[in-house]
Amino acid sequence: MQSITQQETLQSQRLKRSIRSLIHQHLTTKINPHWLISFHYTDNKTQEQEVLKDAQDLKRKLHRIIYQARDKTMKGAGAYHYPSMIFFHEISHQGTGQYHTHLIAEALPPSINTQAAVEHLFTKTLPSKVKALSKWKSIDAQRIHPHDTDYRRISNYLSKQITPEHLSLDPFSSDLTNTCNRTQLIK
């Protein structure tokens, strides 16, 4: 019986390491991360399927806001490329079982790419458009610095709740394909 428990522990540790490595790889080579935004949902968001649908709704509405804020002076530039986003859904450590989300996003259009504008976006604008977002719980928006130490810290933080039963990385809402062509690795 103990060997099964030990085997499960090793499997869980391997899974966590693999996801942490995937996150770090994306941060260093696949996207240009600019923001780490943490936000909460309304009370009673304890079902993962609901949170996944809410994240997709939030992403669609955020894309609309970003598209409206884009630089409209660029004519004939082709298709508009949205900033890449990676979503992580975690369960509250306070025993309530409620979800909150961490979002890694590339730089937004200049008019909404400041600390105050991002905070306003997630405290006022989006909660009025996405019913699932909390209108009273705090949000945390932090600028990601392009340094490997910051990327490692973020990778460790976002993989802390990964278990074989719960994968906090949302592969359905996240942009996990190559979006930038970075040739340099940040050291």
C-alpha atoms as a PDB file:
ATOM      1  CA  MET A   1       0.000   0.000   0.000  1.00  0.00           C
ATOM      2  CA  GLN A   2       2.806   2.414   0.836  1.00  0.00           C
ATOM      3  CA  SER A   3       4.481   1.846  -2.545  1.00  0.00           C
ATOM      4  CA  ILE A   4       1.291   3.030  -4.285  1.00  0.00           C
ATOM      5  CA  THR A   5       1.267   6.178  -2.186  1.00  0.00           C
ATOM      6  CA  GLN A   6       4.946   6.765  -2.910  1.00  0.00           C
ATOM      7  CA  GLN A   7       4.353   6.101  -6.616  1.00  0.00           C
ATOM      8  CA  GLU A   8       1.441   8.563  -6.642  1.00  0.00           C
ATOM      9  CA  THR A   9       3.594  11.157  -4.891  1.00  0.00           C
ATOM     10  CA  LEU A  10       6.347  10.756  -7.483  1.00  0.00           C
ATOM     11  CA  GLN A  11       3.803  10.994 -10.300  1.00  0.00           C
ATOM     12  CA  SER A  12       2.337  14.150  -8.772  1.00  0.00           C
ATOM     13  CA  GLN A  13       5.796  15.695  -8.428  1.00  0.00           C
ATOM     14  CA  ARG A  14       6.647  14.857 -12.057  1.00  0.00           C
ATOM     15  CA  LEU A  15       3.382  16.400 -13.238  1.00  0.00           C
ATOM     16  CA  LYS A  16       4.032  19.581 -11.262  1.00  0.00           C
ATOM     17  CA  ARG A  17       7.607  19.822 -12.600  1.00  0.00           C
ATOM     18  CA  SER A  18       6.430  19.268 -16.173  1.00  0.00           C
ATOM     19  CA  ILE A  19       3.742  21.965 -15.959  1.00  0.00           C
ATOM     20  CA  ARG A  20       6.188  24.344 -14.264  1.00  0.00           C
ATOM     21  CA  SER A  21       8.652  23.732 -17.097  1.00  0.00           C
ATOM     22  CA  LEU A  22       5.916  24.271 -19.713  1.00  0.00           C
ATOM     23  CA  ILE A  23       4.923  27.574 -18.101  1.00  0.00           C
ATOM     24  CA  HIS A  24       8.547  28.718 -17.918  1.00  0.00           C
ATOM     25  CA  GLN A  25       9.143  27.748 -21.551  1.00  0.00           C
ATOM     26  CA  HIS A  26       6.088  29.724 -22.661  1.00  0.00           C
ATOM     27  CA  LEU A  27       7.161  32.765 -20.680  1.00  0.00           C
ATOM     28  CA  THR A  28      10.700  32.721 -22.054  1.00  0.00           C
ATOM     29  CA  THR A  29      10.196  31.693 -25.675  1.00  0.00           C
ATOM     30  CA  LYS A  30       6.549  31.615 -26.790  1.00  0.00           C
ATOM     31  CA  ILE A  31       4.984  34.878 -25.603  1.00  0.00           C
ATOM     32  CA  ASN A  32       6.057  38.313 -24.400  1.00  0.00           C
ATOM     33  CA  PRO A  33       4.404  38.351 -20.967  1.00  0.00           C
ATOM     34  CA  HIS A  34       3.536  41.787 -19.679  1.00  0.00           C
ATOM     35  CA  TRP A  35       0.831  41.382 -16.981  1.00  0.00           C
ATOM     36  CA  LEU A  36      -0.003  38.913 -14.231  1.00  0.00           C
ATOM     37  CA  ILE A  37      -3.587  39.638 -13.215  1.00  0.00           C
ATOM     38  CA  SER A  38      -5.400  37.804 -10.426  1.00  0.00           C
ATOM     39  CA  PHE A  39      -9.158  38.155 -10.090  1.00  0.00           C
ATOM     40  CA  HIS A  40     -12.089  36.534  -8.341  1.00  0.00           C
ATOM     41  CA  TYR A  41     -15.509  35.296  -9.321  1.00  0.00           C
ATOM     42  CA  THR A  42     -18.866  35.825  -7.678  1.00  0.00           C
ATOM     43  CA  ASP A  43     -19.666  33.676  -4.662  1.00  0.00           C
ATOM     44  CA  ASN A  44     -20.477  30.010  -5.162  1.00  0.00           C
ATOM     45  CA  LYS A  45     -18.135  29.503  -8.137  1.00  0.00           C
ATOM     46  CA  THR A  46     -17.070  26.022  -7.072  1.00  0.00           C
ATOM     47  CA  GLN A  47     -17.636  24.055 -10.289  1.00  0.00           C
ATOM     48  CA  GLU A  48     -14.663  23.855 -12.631  1.00  0.00           C
ATOM     49  CA  GLN A  49     -16.834  23.560 -15.775  1.00  0.00           C
ATOM     50  CA  GLU A  50     -18.584  26.834 -14.916  1.00  0.00           C
ATOM     51  CA  VAL A  51     -15.249  28.582 -14.379  1.00  0.00           C
ATOM     52  CA  LEU A  52     -13.934  27.312 -17.732  1.00  0.00           C
ATOM     53  CA  LYS A  53     -17.019  28.717 -19.507  1.00  0.00           C
ATOM     54  CA  ASP A  54     -16.734  31.992 -17.598  1.00  0.00           C
ATOM     55  CA  ALA A  55     -13.060  32.323 -18.593  1.00  0.00           C
ATOM     56  CA  GLN A  56     -13.951  31.866 -22.252  1.00  0.00           C
ATOM     57  CA  ASP A  57     -16.707  34.488 -21.924  1.00  0.00           C
ATOM     58  CA  LEU A  58     -14.274  36.868 -20.233  1.00  0.00           C
ATOM     59  CA  LYS A  59     -11.697  36.310 -22.984  1.00  0.00           C
ATOM     60  CA  ARG A  60     -14.240  37.064 -25.740  1.00  0.00           C
ATOM     61  CA  LYS A  61     -15.332  40.276 -24.036  1.00  0.00           C
ATOM     62  CA  LEU A  62     -11.752  41.268 -23.264  1.00  0.00           C
ATOM     63  CA  HIS A  63     -10.904  40.755 -26.950  1.00  0.00           C
ATOM     64  CA  ARG A  64     -13.714  43.154 -27.888  1.00  0.00           C
ATOM     65  CA  ILE A  65     -12.397  45.791 -25.492  1.00  0.00           C
ATOM     66  CA  ILE A  66      -8.836  45.315 -26.771  1.00  0.00           C
ATOM     67  CA  TYR A  67      -9.990  45.525 -30.385  1.00  0.00           C
ATOM     68  CA  GLN A  68     -11.826  48.781 -29.703  1.00  0.00           C
ATOM     69  CA  ALA A  69      -8.717  50.212 -27.978  1.00  0.00           C
ATOM     70  CA  ARG A  70      -6.313  49.240 -30.789  1.00  0.00           C
ATOM     71  CA  ASP A  71      -4.363  51.836 -32.780  1.00  0.00           C
ATOM     72  CA  LYS A  72      -6.806  52.683 -35.563  1.00  0.00           C
ATOM     73  CA  THR A  73      -4.289  54.804 -37.468  1.00  0.00           C
ATOM     74  CA  MET A  74      -2.609  51.682 -38.863  1.00  0.00           C
ATOM     75  CA  LYS A  75      -4.412  51.077 -42.151  1.00  0.00           C
ATOM     76  CA  GLY A  76      -3.798  47.973 -44.234  1.00  0.00           C
ATOM     77  CA  ALA A  77      -1.817  46.238 -41.499  1.00  0.00           C
ATOM     78  CA  GLY A  78      -3.708  42.999 -42.034  1.00  0.00           C
ATOM     79  CA  ALA A  79      -5.464  40.979 -39.365  1.00  0.00           C
ATOM     80  CA  TYR A  80      -5.346  42.352 -35.836  1.00  0.00           C
ATOM     81  CA  HIS A  81      -3.275  40.153 -33.537  1.00  0.00           C
ATOM     82  CA  TYR A  82      -4.659  39.940 -30.026  1.00  0.00           C
ATOM     83  CA  PRO A  83      -2.290  39.736 -27.074  1.00  0.00           C
ATOM     84  CA  SER A  84      -1.731  36.140 -25.990  1.00  0.00           C
ATOM     85  CA  MET A  85      -3.243  35.063 -22.693  1.00  0.00           C
ATOM     86  CA  ILE A  86      -2.686  32.104 -20.383  1.00  0.00           C
ATOM     87  CA  PHE A  87      -5.317  31.304 -17.730  1.00  0.00           C
ATOM     88  CA  PHE A  88      -4.817  29.454 -14.436  1.00  0.00           C
ATOM     89  CA  HIS A  89      -7.785  28.597 -12.215  1.00  0.00           C
ATOM     90  CA  GLU A  90      -7.064  27.888  -8.571  1.00  0.00           C
ATOM     91  CA  ILE A  91      -9.231  26.871  -5.662  1.00  0.00           C
ATOM     92  CA  SER A  92      -9.281  29.057  -2.545  1.00  0.00           C
ATOM     93  CA  HIS A  93      -6.937  27.900   0.200  1.00  0.00           C
ATOM     94  CA  GLN A  94      -9.434  29.137   2.803  1.00  0.00           C
ATOM     95  CA  GLY A  95     -11.579  26.017   2.491  1.00  0.00           C
ATOM     96  CA  THR A  96     -14.460  27.631   0.610  1.00  0.00           C
ATOM     97  CA  GLY A  97     -13.766  25.682  -2.583  1.00  0.00           C
ATOM     98  CA  GLN A  98     -14.285  28.848  -4.634  1.00  0.00           C
ATOM     99  CA  TYR A  99     -12.195  29.550  -7.695  1.00  0.00           C
ATOM    100  CA  HIS A 100     -10.074  32.514  -8.602  1.00  0.00           C
ATOM    101  CA  THR A 101      -8.017  33.024 -11.762  1.00  0.00           C
ATOM    102  CA  HIS A 102      -4.512  34.159 -12.579  1.00  0.00           C
ATOM    103  CA  LEU A 103      -4.106  35.555 -16.065  1.00  0.00           C
ATOM    104  CA  ILE A 104      -0.806  36.109 -17.853  1.00  0.00           C
ATOM    105  CA  ALA A 105      -1.288  38.552 -20.719  1.00  0.00           C
ATOM    106  CA  GLU A 106       0.926  40.201 -23.267  1.00  0.00           C
ATOM    107  CA  ALA A 107       0.922  43.995 -23.507  1.00  0.00           C
ATOM    108  CA  LEU A 108      -2.462  45.526 -24.219  1.00  0.00           C
ATOM    109  CA  PRO A 109      -3.042  48.478 -26.554  1.00  0.00           C
ATOM    110  CA  PRO A 110      -1.283  51.586 -25.156  1.00  0.00           C
ATOM    111  CA  SER A 111      -4.500  53.297 -24.046  1.00  0.00           C
ATOM    112  CA  ILE A 112      -5.295  50.435 -21.618  1.00  0.00           C
ATOM    113  CA  ASN A 113      -1.778  49.189 -20.850  1.00  0.00           C
ATOM    114  CA  THR A 114      -1.141  51.168 -17.648  1.00  0.00           C
ATOM    115  CA  GLN A 115      -1.513  49.929 -14.092  1.00  0.00           C
ATOM    116  CA  ALA A 116      -4.518  52.168 -13.461  1.00  0.00           C
ATOM    117  CA  ALA A 117      -6.193  51.208 -16.755  1.00  0.00           C
ATOM    118  CA  VAL A 118      -5.754  47.456 -16.163  1.00  0.00           C
ATOM    119  CA  GLU A 119      -7.120  47.778 -12.625  1.00  0.00           C
ATOM    120  CA  HIS A 120     -10.098  49.775 -13.922  1.00  0.00           C
ATOM    121  CA  LEU A 121     -10.645  47.190 -16.654  1.00  0.00           C
ATOM    122  CA  PHE A 122     -10.876  44.326 -14.136  1.00  0.00           C
ATOM    123  CA  THR A 123     -12.710  46.167 -11.344  1.00  0.00           C
ATOM    124  CA  LYS A 124     -15.236  48.214 -13.323  1.00  0.00           C
ATOM    125  CA  THR A 125     -15.436  47.491 -17.055  1.00  0.00           C
ATOM    126  CA  LEU A 126     -15.262  43.692 -17.189  1.00  0.00           C
ATOM    127  CA  PRO A 127     -17.435  42.955 -14.122  1.00  0.00           C
ATOM    128  CA  SER A 128     -20.240  44.963 -15.748  1.00  0.00           C
ATOM    129  CA  LYS A 129     -19.939  42.814 -18.895  1.00  0.00           C
ATOM    130  CA  VAL A 130     -19.097  39.408 -17.377  1.00  0.00           C
ATOM    131  CA  LYS A 131     -21.667  38.428 -14.750  1.00  0.00           C
ATOM    132  CA  ALA A 132     -19.385  35.815 -13.206  1.00  0.00           C
ATOM    133  CA  LEU A 133     -16.728  38.345 -12.127  1.00  0.00           C
ATOM    134  CA  SER A 134     -16.872  39.672  -8.615  1.00  0.00           C
ATOM    135  CA  LYS A 135     -17.720  43.344  -8.329  1.00  0.00           C
ATOM    136  CA  TRP A 136     -16.439  43.672  -4.771  1.00  0.00           C
ATOM    137  CA  LYS A 137     -13.436  41.349  -4.363  1.00  0.00           C
ATOM    138  CA  SER A 138     -10.018  42.814  -5.010  1.00  0.00           C
ATOM    139  CA  ILE A 139      -7.896  42.207  -8.074  1.00  0.00           C
ATOM    140  CA  ASP A 140      -4.131  42.192  -8.303  1.00  0.00           C
ATOM    141  CA  ALA A 141      -2.421  43.393 -11.478  1.00  0.00           C
ATOM    142  CA  GLN A 142       1.356  43.179 -11.563  1.00  0.00           C
ATOM    143  CA  ARG A 143       3.780  44.060 -14.325  1.00  0.00           C
ATOM    144  CA  ILE A 144       5.956  41.107 -15.354  1.00  0.00           C
ATOM    145  CA  HIS A 145       9.594  42.032 -15.747  1.00  0.00           C
ATOM    146  CA  PRO A 146      11.410  40.326 -18.627  1.00  0.00           C
ATOM    147  CA  HIS A 147      13.926  38.475 -16.466  1.00  0.00           C
ATOM    148  CA  ASP A 148      14.385  34.757 -16.039  1.00  0.00           C
ATOM    149  CA  THR A 149      14.163  35.100 -12.248  1.00  0.00           C
ATOM    150  CA  ASP A 150      10.705  36.691 -12.582  1.00  0.00           C
ATOM    151  CA  TYR A 151       9.636  33.957 -15.011  1.00  0.00           C
ATOM    152  CA  ARG A 152      10.819  31.227 -12.606  1.00  0.00           C
ATOM    153  CA  ARG A 153       9.022  32.856  -9.686  1.00  0.00           C
ATOM    154  CA  ILE A 154       5.796  33.061 -11.700  1.00  0.00           C
ATOM    155  CA  SER A 155       6.159  29.471 -12.953  1.00  0.00           C
ATOM    156  CA  ASN A 156       6.612  28.214  -9.394  1.00  0.00           C
ATOM    157  CA  TYR A 157       3.690  30.261  -8.109  1.00  0.00           C
ATOM    158  CA  LEU A 158       1.271  29.178 -10.842  1.00  0.00           C
ATOM    159  CA  SER A 159       2.107  25.491 -10.495  1.00  0.00           C
ATOM    160  CA  LYS A 160       1.648  25.315  -6.721  1.00  0.00           C
ATOM    161  CA  GLN A 161      -1.860  23.806  -6.821  1.00  0.00           C
ATOM    162  CA  ILE A 162      -1.298  21.291  -9.608  1.00  0.00           C
ATOM    163  CA  THR A 163      -2.258  17.751  -8.685  1.00  0.00           C
ATOM    164  CA  PRO A 164      -3.304  14.744 -10.767  1.00  0.00           C
ATOM    165  CA  GLU A 165      -6.897  15.628  -9.818  1.00  0.00           C
ATOM    166  CA  HIS A 166      -6.677  19.351 -10.565  1.00  0.00           C
ATOM    167  CA  LEU A 167      -4.719  20.994 -13.344  1.00  0.00           C
ATOM    168  CA  SER A 168      -4.819  24.749 -12.748  1.00  0.00           C
ATOM    169  CA  LEU A 169      -3.647  25.566 -16.290  1.00  0.00           C
ATOM    170  CA  ASP A 170      -6.690  26.131 -18.522  1.00  0.00           C
ATOM    171  CA  PRO A 171      -5.758  24.691 -21.925  1.00  0.00           C
ATOM    172  CA  PHE A 172      -9.134  25.651 -23.435  1.00  0.00           C
ATOM    173  CA  SER A 173      -8.964  29.416 -22.848  1.00  0.00           C
ATOM    174  CA  SER A 174      -5.177  29.794 -22.985  1.00  0.00           C
ATOM    175  CA  ASP A 175      -3.191  30.673 -26.076  1.00  0.00           C
ATOM    176  CA  LEU A 176      -0.590  27.913 -26.001  1.00  0.00           C
ATOM    177  CA  THR A 177       0.695  28.236 -29.545  1.00  0.00           C
ATOM    178  CA  ASN A 178       3.717  30.216 -30.672  1.00  0.00           C
ATOM    179  CA  THR A 179       2.784  33.860 -30.942  1.00  0.00           C
ATOM    180  CA  CYS A 180       6.128  35.573 -30.940  1.00  0.00           C
ATOM    181  CA  ASN A 181       9.381  34.779 -32.616  1.00  0.00           C
ATOM    182  CA  ARG A 182      11.845  35.416 -29.829  1.00  0.00           C
ATOM    183  CA  THR A 183      15.352  34.351 -30.674  1.00  0.00           C
ATOM    184  CA  GLN A 184      16.970  35.392 -27.448  1.00  0.00           C
ATOM    185  CA  LEU A 185      16.526  33.744 -24.100  1.00  0.00           C
ATOM    186  CA  ILE A 186      16.336  36.081 -21.147  1.00  0.00           C
ATOM    187  CA  LYS A 187      19.029  35.275 -18.626  1.00  0.00           C
END
